[in-house]
C-alpha cells in the first residue's frame, strides 16, 4: 500500500509542476485516502497482535 501512496504522490507532484491542478488534486486526494486506510489497518493489526500475546 505504501507503494501506491508514493506513486500517487509522485503523480500529484509532477502534475502540480506542470500546472494540471485537477489531476494533482485528485492524485493527492487518492494518496491521502490510501494513507489513512493504511494507518487504520496498522492500528488494527497492532491491537490484534497485542490481544494474541495477552
C-alpha atoms as a PDB file:
ATOM      1  CA  UNK A   1       0.000   0.000   0.000  1.00  0.00           C
ATOM      2  CA  UNK A   2       2.852   2.359   0.697  1.00  0.00           C
ATOM      3  CA  UNK A   3       3.981   1.885  -2.903  1.00  0.00           C
ATOM      4  CA  UNK A   4       0.581   3.134  -4.120  1.00  0.00           C
ATOM      5  CA  UNK A   5       0.805   6.166  -1.830  1.00  0.00           C
ATOM      6  CA  UNK A   6       4.221   7.021  -3.240  1.00  0.00           C
ATOM      7  CA  UNK A   7       3.028   6.532  -6.837  1.00  0.00           C
ATOM      8  CA  UNK A   8       0.041   8.841  -6.397  1.00  0.00           C
ATOM      9  CA  UNK A   9       2.188  11.371  -4.532  1.00  0.00           C
ATOM     10  CA  UNK A  10       4.702  11.466  -7.383  1.00  0.00           C
ATOM     11  CA  UNK A  11       1.875  11.836  -9.927  1.00  0.00           C
ATOM     12  CA  UNK A  12       0.460  14.705  -7.880  1.00  0.00           C
ATOM     13  CA  UNK A  13       3.838  16.432  -7.667  1.00  0.00           C
ATOM     14  CA  UNK A  14       4.542  16.095 -11.387  1.00  0.00           C
ATOM     15  CA  UNK A  15       1.046  17.236 -12.318  1.00  0.00           C
ATOM     16  CA  UNK A  16       1.357  20.184  -9.939  1.00  0.00           C
ATOM     17  CA  UNK A  17       4.659  21.231 -11.502  1.00  0.00           C
ATOM     18  CA  UNK A  18       3.163  21.027 -14.989  1.00  0.00           C
ATOM     19  CA  UNK A  19       0.131  23.074 -13.986  1.00  0.00           C
ATOM     20  CA  UNK A  20      -2.552  20.396 -14.072  1.00  0.00           C
ATOM     21  CA  UNK A  21      -4.380  21.397 -10.902  1.00  0.00           C
ATOM     22  CA  UNK A  22      -7.269  18.948 -11.207  1.00  0.00           C
ATOM     23  CA  UNK A  23      -5.083  15.911 -11.758  1.00  0.00           C
ATOM     24  CA  UNK A  24      -2.707  16.948  -8.975  1.00  0.00           C
ATOM     25  CA  UNK A  25      -5.577  17.428  -6.544  1.00  0.00           C
ATOM     26  CA  UNK A  26      -7.156  14.115  -7.433  1.00  0.00           C
ATOM     27  CA  UNK A  27      -3.886  12.214  -7.097  1.00  0.00           C
ATOM     28  CA  UNK A  28      -3.102  13.860  -3.780  1.00  0.00           C
ATOM     29  CA  UNK A  29      -6.604  13.038  -2.547  1.00  0.00           C
ATOM     30  CA  UNK A  30      -6.230   9.393  -3.521  1.00  0.00           C
ATOM     31  CA  UNK A  31      -2.835   9.235  -1.798  1.00  0.00           C
ATOM     32  CA  UNK A  32      -4.360  10.683   1.386  1.00  0.00           C
ATOM     33  CA  UNK A  33      -7.215   8.168   1.375  1.00  0.00           C
ATOM     34  CA  UNK A  34      -4.862   5.218   0.866  1.00  0.00           C
ATOM     35  CA  UNK A  35      -2.590   6.578   3.617  1.00  0.00           C
ATOM     36  CA  UNK A  36      -5.473   6.758   6.100  1.00  0.00           C
ATOM     37  CA  UNK A  37      -6.598   3.242   5.192  1.00  0.00           C
ATOM     38  CA  UNK A  38      -3.030   2.052   5.782  1.00  0.00           C
ATOM     39  CA  UNK A  39      -2.936   3.733   9.201  1.00  0.00           C
ATOM     40  CA  UNK A  40      -6.259   2.126  10.223  1.00  0.00           C
ATOM     41  CA  UNK A  41      -5.062  -1.311   9.127  1.00  0.00           C
ATOM     42  CA  UNK A  42      -1.803  -0.795  11.036  1.00  0.00           C
ATOM     43  CA  UNK A  43      -3.652   0.090  14.238  1.00  0.00           C
ATOM     44  CA  UNK A  44      -5.987  -2.899  13.868  1.00  0.00           C
ATOM     45  CA  UNK A  45      -3.004  -5.170  13.270  1.00  0.00           C
ATOM     46  CA  UNK A  46      -1.203  -3.859  16.362  1.00  0.00           C
ATOM     47  CA  UNK A  47      -4.303  -4.309  18.535  1.00  0.00           C
ATOM     48  CA  UNK A  48      -4.830  -7.848  17.281  1.00  0.00           C
ATOM     49  CA  UNK A  49      -1.171  -8.671  17.925  1.00  0.00           C
ATOM     50  CA  UNK A  50      -1.398  -7.367  21.497  1.00  0.00           C
ATOM     51  CA  UNK A  51      -4.570  -9.390  22.119  1.00  0.00           C
ATOM     52  CA  UNK A  52      -2.900 -12.612  20.969  1.00  0.00           C
ATOM     53  CA  UNK A  53       0.030 -12.167  23.327  1.00  0.00           C
ATOM     54  CA  UNK A  54      -2.145 -11.253  26.306  1.00  0.00           C
END
